[in-house]
Structure formats: C-alpha cells, structure tokens
N, C-alpha and C. Protein backbone atom coordinates (compact mmCIF):
# COMPACT_ATOMS: atom_id res chain seq x y z
N MET A 1 -26.36 8.09 -6.60
CA MET A 1 -25.38 7.02 -6.66
C MET A 1 -24.92 6.84 -8.11
N GLN A 2 -23.64 6.45 -8.22
CA GLN A 2 -23.06 6.19 -9.53
C GLN A 2 -22.41 4.81 -9.50
N THR A 3 -22.27 4.21 -10.67
CA THR A 3 -21.62 2.91 -10.77
C THR A 3 -20.14 3.10 -11.06
N LEU A 4 -19.33 2.54 -10.20
CA LEU A 4 -17.87 2.56 -10.35
C LEU A 4 -17.44 1.18 -10.82
N GLU A 5 -16.66 1.16 -11.91
CA GLU A 5 -16.06 -0.08 -12.38
C GLU A 5 -14.56 0.06 -12.22
N LEU A 6 -13.94 -0.89 -11.52
CA LEU A 6 -12.51 -0.88 -11.30
C LEU A 6 -12.00 -2.30 -11.14
N THR A 7 -10.70 -2.43 -11.22
CA THR A 7 -10.05 -3.72 -10.98
C THR A 7 -9.27 -3.60 -9.69
N VAL A 8 -9.45 -4.54 -8.80
CA VAL A 8 -8.71 -4.55 -7.54
C VAL A 8 -8.03 -5.91 -7.42
N ASN A 9 -6.72 -5.86 -7.31
CA ASN A 9 -5.92 -7.08 -7.17
C ASN A 9 -6.24 -8.09 -8.26
N GLY A 10 -6.44 -7.57 -9.48
CA GLY A 10 -6.66 -8.41 -10.65
C GLY A 10 -8.09 -8.84 -10.88
N GLN A 11 -9.01 -8.47 -10.01
CA GLN A 11 -10.41 -8.86 -10.15
C GLN A 11 -11.27 -7.64 -10.43
N GLY A 12 -12.16 -7.76 -11.40
CA GLY A 12 -13.05 -6.65 -11.75
C GLY A 12 -14.22 -6.54 -10.80
N TYR A 13 -14.62 -5.29 -10.54
CA TYR A 13 -15.76 -5.02 -9.66
C TYR A 13 -16.61 -3.89 -10.23
N LYS A 14 -17.91 -3.95 -9.91
CA LYS A 14 -18.84 -2.85 -10.15
C LYS A 14 -19.50 -2.57 -8.82
N VAL A 15 -19.39 -1.33 -8.35
CA VAL A 15 -19.99 -0.96 -7.07
C VAL A 15 -20.70 0.37 -7.21
N GLU A 16 -21.75 0.54 -6.43
CA GLU A 16 -22.47 1.81 -6.39
C GLU A 16 -21.83 2.71 -5.34
N VAL A 17 -21.52 3.94 -5.73
CA VAL A 17 -20.87 4.87 -4.81
C VAL A 17 -21.53 6.24 -4.90
N GLY A 18 -21.41 6.99 -3.81
CA GLY A 18 -21.87 8.36 -3.79
C GLY A 18 -20.78 9.28 -4.33
N LEU A 19 -21.14 10.53 -4.54
CA LEU A 19 -20.19 11.50 -5.11
C LEU A 19 -18.99 11.75 -4.21
N LYS A 20 -19.17 11.61 -2.89
CA LYS A 20 -18.08 11.90 -1.95
C LYS A 20 -17.42 10.64 -1.40
N THR A 21 -17.75 9.50 -1.94
CA THR A 21 -17.16 8.24 -1.47
C THR A 21 -15.68 8.20 -1.83
N THR A 22 -14.87 7.75 -0.89
CA THR A 22 -13.44 7.64 -1.15
C THR A 22 -13.09 6.21 -1.59
N LEU A 23 -11.94 6.09 -2.20
CA LEU A 23 -11.44 4.77 -2.58
C LEU A 23 -11.29 3.88 -1.35
N LEU A 24 -10.82 4.45 -0.24
CA LEU A 24 -10.67 3.67 0.99
C LEU A 24 -12.01 3.09 1.43
N GLU A 25 -13.07 3.88 1.35
CA GLU A 25 -14.40 3.38 1.73
C GLU A 25 -14.85 2.25 0.81
N VAL A 26 -14.56 2.37 -0.48
CA VAL A 26 -14.90 1.30 -1.41
C VAL A 26 -14.15 0.03 -1.03
N LEU A 27 -12.84 0.17 -0.84
CA LEU A 27 -12.03 -1.01 -0.53
C LEU A 27 -12.47 -1.70 0.75
N ARG A 28 -12.63 -0.94 1.81
CA ARG A 28 -12.93 -1.54 3.11
C ARG A 28 -14.41 -1.90 3.28
N ASP A 29 -15.30 -0.97 2.94
CA ASP A 29 -16.71 -1.15 3.25
C ASP A 29 -17.48 -1.95 2.20
N LYS A 30 -17.10 -1.80 0.94
CA LYS A 30 -17.85 -2.48 -0.12
C LYS A 30 -17.16 -3.78 -0.57
N LEU A 31 -15.83 -3.77 -0.62
CA LEU A 31 -15.11 -4.95 -1.10
C LEU A 31 -14.49 -5.77 0.03
N HIS A 32 -14.54 -5.26 1.25
CA HIS A 32 -14.04 -5.95 2.45
C HIS A 32 -12.56 -6.31 2.36
N ILE A 33 -11.80 -5.41 1.77
CA ILE A 33 -10.34 -5.54 1.70
C ILE A 33 -9.79 -4.70 2.84
N THR A 34 -9.15 -5.33 3.80
CA THR A 34 -8.85 -4.65 5.05
C THR A 34 -7.41 -4.20 5.25
N SER A 35 -6.51 -4.48 4.30
CA SER A 35 -5.14 -4.03 4.53
C SER A 35 -4.99 -2.51 4.52
N PRO A 36 -5.66 -1.77 3.63
CA PRO A 36 -5.58 -0.31 3.76
C PRO A 36 -6.33 0.11 5.03
N LYS A 37 -5.64 0.78 5.92
CA LYS A 37 -6.23 1.13 7.20
C LYS A 37 -6.80 2.55 7.20
N VAL A 38 -7.76 2.77 8.07
CA VAL A 38 -8.29 4.11 8.31
C VAL A 38 -7.43 4.72 9.40
N GLY A 39 -6.64 5.71 9.03
CA GLY A 39 -5.77 6.38 10.00
C GLY A 39 -6.24 7.80 10.21
N CYS A 40 -5.64 8.71 9.49
CA CYS A 40 -5.92 10.14 9.68
C CYS A 40 -7.09 10.65 8.84
N ASN A 41 -7.40 9.96 7.74
CA ASN A 41 -8.42 10.40 6.78
C ASN A 41 -8.12 11.76 6.16
N THR A 42 -6.86 12.16 6.19
CA THR A 42 -6.45 13.43 5.57
C THR A 42 -5.24 13.24 4.65
N GLY A 43 -4.80 12.01 4.45
CA GLY A 43 -3.68 11.73 3.56
C GLY A 43 -2.32 11.96 4.17
N ASP A 44 -2.25 12.12 5.49
CA ASP A 44 -0.98 12.44 6.14
C ASP A 44 -0.22 11.25 6.70
N CYS A 45 -0.89 10.14 7.02
CA CYS A 45 -0.21 9.07 7.75
C CYS A 45 0.25 7.90 6.89
N GLY A 46 -0.37 7.70 5.73
CA GLY A 46 0.06 6.64 4.83
C GLY A 46 -0.49 5.26 5.11
N THR A 47 -1.32 5.10 6.13
CA THR A 47 -1.81 3.75 6.44
C THR A 47 -2.78 3.21 5.40
N CYS A 48 -3.30 4.10 4.56
CA CYS A 48 -4.27 3.70 3.54
C CYS A 48 -3.63 3.58 2.16
N SER A 49 -2.32 3.56 2.08
CA SER A 49 -1.61 3.58 0.80
C SER A 49 -1.90 2.34 -0.04
N VAL A 50 -2.18 2.59 -1.32
CA VAL A 50 -2.38 1.54 -2.31
C VAL A 50 -1.72 1.99 -3.61
N LEU A 51 -1.59 1.07 -4.54
CA LEU A 51 -1.08 1.42 -5.86
C LEU A 51 -2.26 1.58 -6.81
N LEU A 52 -2.28 2.69 -7.52
CA LEU A 52 -3.31 2.98 -8.51
C LEU A 52 -2.61 3.02 -9.86
N ASP A 53 -2.87 2.03 -10.68
CA ASP A 53 -2.14 1.88 -11.94
C ASP A 53 -0.64 1.98 -11.71
N GLY A 54 -0.18 1.37 -10.60
CA GLY A 54 1.24 1.31 -10.28
C GLY A 54 1.81 2.50 -9.55
N VAL A 55 0.98 3.50 -9.28
CA VAL A 55 1.44 4.72 -8.61
C VAL A 55 0.88 4.75 -7.19
N LEU A 56 1.74 5.06 -6.22
CA LEU A 56 1.32 5.11 -4.82
C LEU A 56 0.34 6.26 -4.60
N VAL A 57 -0.81 5.96 -3.99
CA VAL A 57 -1.79 6.99 -3.64
C VAL A 57 -2.31 6.74 -2.23
N ARG A 58 -2.85 7.78 -1.64
CA ARG A 58 -3.53 7.70 -0.35
C ARG A 58 -5.01 7.48 -0.66
N SER A 59 -5.51 6.30 -0.36
CA SER A 59 -6.88 5.98 -0.73
C SER A 59 -7.92 6.76 0.07
N CYS A 60 -7.52 7.30 1.22
CA CYS A 60 -8.49 8.05 2.04
C CYS A 60 -8.83 9.42 1.45
N ILE A 61 -8.00 9.92 0.56
CA ILE A 61 -8.27 11.22 -0.07
C ILE A 61 -8.46 11.10 -1.57
N THR A 62 -8.58 9.88 -2.06
CA THR A 62 -8.80 9.64 -3.48
C THR A 62 -10.28 9.39 -3.69
N ASN A 63 -10.92 10.26 -4.47
CA ASN A 63 -12.33 10.11 -4.76
C ASN A 63 -12.55 8.83 -5.55
N ALA A 64 -13.51 8.04 -5.14
CA ALA A 64 -13.74 6.74 -5.76
C ALA A 64 -14.00 6.86 -7.26
N MET A 65 -14.78 7.83 -7.69
CA MET A 65 -15.10 7.94 -9.11
C MET A 65 -13.89 8.34 -9.95
N SER A 66 -12.85 8.85 -9.31
CA SER A 66 -11.65 9.20 -10.07
C SER A 66 -10.85 7.98 -10.48
N VAL A 67 -11.21 6.81 -9.97
CA VAL A 67 -10.50 5.59 -10.33
C VAL A 67 -11.29 4.73 -11.31
N GLN A 68 -12.30 5.33 -11.92
CA GLN A 68 -13.13 4.62 -12.89
C GLN A 68 -12.26 3.96 -13.96
N GLY A 69 -12.40 2.64 -14.10
CA GLY A 69 -11.67 1.90 -15.12
C GLY A 69 -10.21 1.64 -14.82
N LYS A 70 -9.76 2.01 -13.64
CA LYS A 70 -8.35 1.85 -13.29
C LYS A 70 -8.12 0.58 -12.47
N SER A 71 -6.84 0.32 -12.21
CA SER A 71 -6.44 -0.88 -11.47
C SER A 71 -5.82 -0.49 -10.13
N VAL A 72 -6.32 -1.09 -9.07
CA VAL A 72 -5.85 -0.84 -7.70
C VAL A 72 -5.17 -2.11 -7.20
N THR A 73 -4.02 -1.93 -6.57
CA THR A 73 -3.34 -3.05 -5.92
C THR A 73 -3.20 -2.73 -4.45
N THR A 74 -3.64 -3.65 -3.61
CA THR A 74 -3.48 -3.54 -2.17
C THR A 74 -2.47 -4.61 -1.73
N LEU A 75 -2.17 -4.64 -0.46
CA LEU A 75 -1.24 -5.63 0.06
C LEU A 75 -1.68 -7.05 -0.31
N GLU A 76 -2.99 -7.28 -0.32
CA GLU A 76 -3.51 -8.61 -0.64
C GLU A 76 -3.17 -9.03 -2.06
N GLY A 77 -2.87 -8.08 -2.92
CA GLY A 77 -2.67 -8.38 -4.33
C GLY A 77 -1.24 -8.33 -4.83
N ILE A 78 -0.26 -8.20 -3.94
CA ILE A 78 1.12 -8.08 -4.42
C ILE A 78 1.75 -9.43 -4.75
N THR A 79 1.10 -10.52 -4.37
CA THR A 79 1.56 -11.87 -4.72
C THR A 79 0.34 -12.74 -5.01
N GLU A 80 0.60 -13.90 -5.52
CA GLU A 80 -0.46 -14.90 -5.69
C GLU A 80 -0.87 -15.43 -4.32
N PRO A 81 -2.13 -15.83 -4.17
CA PRO A 81 -2.55 -16.41 -2.88
C PRO A 81 -1.64 -17.56 -2.47
N GLY A 82 -1.24 -17.54 -1.23
CA GLY A 82 -0.37 -18.58 -0.69
C GLY A 82 1.11 -18.25 -0.79
N ASP A 83 1.47 -17.24 -1.59
CA ASP A 83 2.86 -16.83 -1.71
C ASP A 83 3.15 -15.68 -0.77
N ILE A 84 4.43 -15.41 -0.57
CA ILE A 84 4.84 -14.27 0.24
C ILE A 84 5.80 -13.43 -0.59
N HIS A 85 5.56 -12.15 -0.62
CA HIS A 85 6.40 -11.22 -1.37
C HIS A 85 7.71 -11.01 -0.61
N PRO A 86 8.82 -10.77 -1.31
CA PRO A 86 10.08 -10.51 -0.61
C PRO A 86 9.99 -9.37 0.42
N LEU A 87 9.15 -8.38 0.17
CA LEU A 87 8.98 -7.31 1.17
C LEU A 87 8.33 -7.85 2.43
N GLN A 88 7.30 -8.67 2.28
CA GLN A 88 6.65 -9.25 3.44
C GLN A 88 7.63 -10.12 4.22
N LYS A 89 8.39 -10.92 3.50
CA LYS A 89 9.39 -11.78 4.13
C LYS A 89 10.43 -10.96 4.87
N ALA A 90 10.92 -9.91 4.24
CA ALA A 90 11.95 -9.07 4.86
C ALA A 90 11.41 -8.33 6.08
N PHE A 91 10.18 -7.83 6.03
CA PHE A 91 9.60 -7.16 7.19
C PHE A 91 9.51 -8.13 8.36
N HIS A 92 9.21 -9.38 8.06
CA HIS A 92 9.14 -10.40 9.11
C HIS A 92 10.53 -10.72 9.66
N GLU A 93 11.46 -10.99 8.76
CA GLU A 93 12.79 -11.43 9.19
C GLU A 93 13.63 -10.32 9.82
N HIS A 94 13.37 -9.07 9.46
CA HIS A 94 14.17 -7.96 9.98
C HIS A 94 13.40 -7.10 10.97
N TYR A 95 12.27 -7.64 11.45
CA TYR A 95 11.47 -6.97 12.49
C TYR A 95 11.03 -5.57 12.07
N GLY A 96 10.57 -5.47 10.80
CA GLY A 96 10.13 -4.19 10.27
C GLY A 96 8.76 -3.76 10.74
N SER A 97 8.05 -4.63 11.45
CA SER A 97 6.76 -4.21 11.98
C SER A 97 6.72 -4.48 13.47
N GLN A 98 6.01 -3.63 14.14
CA GLN A 98 5.81 -3.81 15.58
C GLN A 98 4.34 -4.18 15.78
N CYS A 99 3.46 -3.18 15.92
CA CYS A 99 2.04 -3.50 16.10
C CYS A 99 1.41 -3.94 14.79
N GLY A 100 1.97 -3.53 13.66
CA GLY A 100 1.48 -3.94 12.36
C GLY A 100 0.48 -3.01 11.70
N PHE A 101 -0.01 -2.00 12.40
CA PHE A 101 -1.03 -1.12 11.84
C PHE A 101 -0.53 -0.39 10.60
N CYS A 102 0.69 0.10 10.65
CA CYS A 102 1.24 0.86 9.52
C CYS A 102 1.85 -0.02 8.45
N THR A 103 2.05 -1.29 8.74
CA THR A 103 2.82 -2.17 7.87
C THR A 103 2.26 -2.29 6.45
N PRO A 104 0.95 -2.47 6.24
CA PRO A 104 0.48 -2.54 4.86
C PRO A 104 0.83 -1.30 4.04
N GLY A 105 0.65 -0.13 4.62
CA GLY A 105 1.01 1.10 3.92
C GLY A 105 2.50 1.22 3.68
N MET A 106 3.29 0.80 4.67
CA MET A 106 4.75 0.82 4.51
C MET A 106 5.18 -0.11 3.38
N ILE A 107 4.59 -1.29 3.34
CA ILE A 107 4.96 -2.24 2.29
C ILE A 107 4.53 -1.73 0.92
N MET A 108 3.37 -1.12 0.83
CA MET A 108 2.94 -0.60 -0.47
C MET A 108 3.83 0.56 -0.92
N ALA A 109 4.23 1.43 0.00
CA ALA A 109 5.15 2.52 -0.36
C ALA A 109 6.51 1.94 -0.76
N SER A 110 6.93 0.90 -0.07
CA SER A 110 8.20 0.24 -0.39
C SER A 110 8.14 -0.44 -1.75
N LYS A 111 7.01 -1.06 -2.04
CA LYS A 111 6.84 -1.72 -3.34
C LYS A 111 6.89 -0.68 -4.46
N ALA A 112 6.23 0.44 -4.27
CA ALA A 112 6.26 1.50 -5.29
C ALA A 112 7.70 1.94 -5.53
N LEU A 113 8.46 2.09 -4.44
CA LEU A 113 9.86 2.48 -4.57
C LEU A 113 10.66 1.43 -5.34
N LEU A 114 10.56 0.17 -4.92
CA LEU A 114 11.37 -0.88 -5.54
C LEU A 114 10.95 -1.17 -6.98
N ASP A 115 9.69 -0.94 -7.30
CA ASP A 115 9.26 -1.08 -8.69
C ASP A 115 9.94 -0.03 -9.57
N ALA A 116 10.12 1.17 -9.01
CA ALA A 116 10.74 2.27 -9.77
C ALA A 116 12.26 2.27 -9.67
N ASN A 117 12.77 1.79 -8.53
CA ASN A 117 14.21 1.84 -8.26
C ASN A 117 14.61 0.57 -7.52
N PRO A 118 15.04 -0.46 -8.23
CA PRO A 118 15.36 -1.73 -7.58
C PRO A 118 16.57 -1.70 -6.66
N SER A 119 17.39 -0.64 -6.75
CA SER A 119 18.60 -0.56 -5.93
C SER A 119 18.66 0.77 -5.18
N PRO A 120 17.71 1.03 -4.29
CA PRO A 120 17.71 2.32 -3.61
C PRO A 120 18.79 2.41 -2.54
N THR A 121 19.21 3.62 -2.28
CA THR A 121 20.11 3.88 -1.15
C THR A 121 19.26 4.00 0.10
N ARG A 122 19.92 3.99 1.25
CA ARG A 122 19.22 4.17 2.52
C ARG A 122 18.45 5.51 2.50
N ASP A 123 19.08 6.56 2.00
CA ASP A 123 18.41 7.87 1.94
C ASP A 123 17.21 7.85 1.01
N GLU A 124 17.29 7.12 -0.08
CA GLU A 124 16.15 7.02 -1.00
C GLU A 124 14.99 6.26 -0.36
N VAL A 125 15.30 5.26 0.43
CA VAL A 125 14.25 4.54 1.16
C VAL A 125 13.60 5.48 2.17
N LYS A 126 14.41 6.22 2.90
CA LYS A 126 13.86 7.19 3.87
C LYS A 126 12.93 8.17 3.19
N GLU A 127 13.35 8.69 2.05
CA GLU A 127 12.51 9.65 1.31
C GLU A 127 11.22 9.01 0.85
N ALA A 128 11.31 7.80 0.32
CA ALA A 128 10.13 7.10 -0.19
C ALA A 128 9.11 6.79 0.91
N LEU A 129 9.60 6.59 2.13
CA LEU A 129 8.72 6.25 3.25
C LEU A 129 8.34 7.47 4.09
N SER A 130 8.78 8.64 3.67
CA SER A 130 8.58 9.84 4.49
C SER A 130 7.10 10.20 4.68
N GLY A 131 6.24 9.70 3.84
CA GLY A 131 4.81 9.97 3.99
C GLY A 131 4.07 8.92 4.79
N ASN A 132 4.80 7.97 5.36
CA ASN A 132 4.19 6.91 6.15
C ASN A 132 4.67 7.00 7.59
N LEU A 133 3.71 7.12 8.48
CA LEU A 133 4.04 7.28 9.89
C LEU A 133 3.94 5.96 10.65
N CYS A 134 4.85 5.79 11.60
CA CYS A 134 4.85 4.62 12.48
C CYS A 134 5.08 5.13 13.90
N ARG A 135 4.22 4.74 14.82
CA ARG A 135 4.36 5.16 16.20
C ARG A 135 5.24 4.22 17.02
N CYS A 136 5.49 3.02 16.51
CA CYS A 136 6.15 2.00 17.32
C CYS A 136 7.65 1.90 17.13
N THR A 137 8.16 2.32 15.97
CA THR A 137 9.57 2.08 15.68
C THR A 137 10.32 3.38 15.48
N GLY A 138 11.59 3.27 15.37
CA GLY A 138 12.43 4.39 14.98
C GLY A 138 12.75 4.33 13.51
N TYR A 139 12.02 3.52 12.76
CA TYR A 139 12.13 3.36 11.31
C TYR A 139 13.36 2.59 10.86
N VAL A 140 14.35 2.39 11.73
CA VAL A 140 15.59 1.72 11.32
C VAL A 140 15.29 0.32 10.80
N LYS A 141 14.51 -0.45 11.52
CA LYS A 141 14.22 -1.82 11.10
C LYS A 141 13.34 -1.86 9.85
N ILE A 142 12.50 -0.85 9.68
CA ILE A 142 11.69 -0.76 8.47
C ILE A 142 12.60 -0.52 7.27
N ILE A 143 13.51 0.42 7.39
CA ILE A 143 14.44 0.73 6.30
C ILE A 143 15.33 -0.48 6.02
N ASP A 144 15.82 -1.13 7.06
CA ASP A 144 16.62 -2.35 6.89
C ASP A 144 15.82 -3.41 6.12
N SER A 145 14.54 -3.52 6.43
CA SER A 145 13.69 -4.51 5.76
C SER A 145 13.57 -4.22 4.27
N VAL A 146 13.38 -2.96 3.93
CA VAL A 146 13.24 -2.58 2.53
C VAL A 146 14.54 -2.86 1.77
N LEU A 147 15.66 -2.52 2.38
CA LEU A 147 16.95 -2.76 1.73
C LEU A 147 17.23 -4.26 1.58
N ALA A 148 16.84 -5.05 2.57
CA ALA A 148 17.01 -6.50 2.47
C ALA A 148 16.13 -7.08 1.37
N ALA A 149 14.90 -6.59 1.25
CA ALA A 149 14.01 -7.04 0.18
C ALA A 149 14.58 -6.67 -1.18
N ALA A 150 15.14 -5.47 -1.29
CA ALA A 150 15.75 -5.05 -2.56
C ALA A 150 16.87 -5.99 -2.94
N ASP A 151 17.70 -6.35 -1.97
CA ASP A 151 18.80 -7.29 -2.24
C ASP A 151 18.26 -8.64 -2.71
N GLU A 152 17.23 -9.14 -2.02
CA GLU A 152 16.68 -10.44 -2.39
C GLU A 152 16.04 -10.38 -3.79
N MET A 153 15.36 -9.31 -4.08
CA MET A 153 14.67 -9.19 -5.37
C MET A 153 15.67 -9.08 -6.53
N LYS A 154 16.85 -8.56 -6.25
CA LYS A 154 17.89 -8.48 -7.29
C LYS A 154 18.53 -9.84 -7.53
N GLY A 155 18.38 -10.73 -6.56
CA GLY A 155 18.96 -12.07 -6.71
C GLY A 155 20.24 -12.12 -6.00
C-alpha cells in the first residue's frame, strides 16, 4: 500500500491505495463520492469523467498514484454547496437527462468544453461529448442543454 495525497473538490485527502487502484475506486470506495459512475471500466463510456487539474479524464483508467498532489473536480465540486451550476440548470430545464446515469459524466465533459471554449458551436459540443455514451437519448437535448448553459454563462 502507498499513501496518496490529493485534493478533491477543494478538500485535501490522504488515502492508502494499492498499485493497481484506480482514481474511480478512490473516489467511490474511499471518499464516497458517487457522481462518477462505474460503467465500462475501460474508458469508453465516459460515465466516470472528472476533471484532473482542469483536464477531462476517465477516472476508471487513471491510476490513483498518478494523481499524487493533483486536484480532482467531480460533479459535487463544480459549485458551492447549495448552488446550482448553469450546466445543471440547463440539463434540468432542457431535459438533457433521462435516467441520469450518464449525466454526471456529460456535465463534466461539458464543463471542460465550456471552460476552454465559452462559445462552442453545435458541432464542437458534439465532438466534446463524443466520448460520453447515453442509452436513453438521441443526444439532441443534451447538446441543447450545453448550448443553453453556454449562453447563460456568457450573460
């Protein structure tokens, strides 16, 4: 076992991990942060997406020790407690989620996009979300939600 020190959603943690422990296992099993979901465990579906020092990563294929000293943001950390992020609001108002399983990963991928490009085109949103799978929708309402959030965030 090794000691991993990281910051998650602004809070510092020290946890003991094995050599093959993934970031997703740390988040869910050790820190009890449940928005990153266990989907494919191969990095293909995007349900485990989080921001690592502001960059979108698949936590199911990210070795925990590779995040030593880094900062992780999950859906729980994109706003202050009690607040709602414009992406969360837009997904609600524009019916961007159906069952909700993929929604945390979709919102994290959308946040990464909007942080880098506050005025994306529809095609840029499609490209940014191409690594996130949803079984319930045709993606139209998800894309509409991201574009609506971008508009709101611009003012």
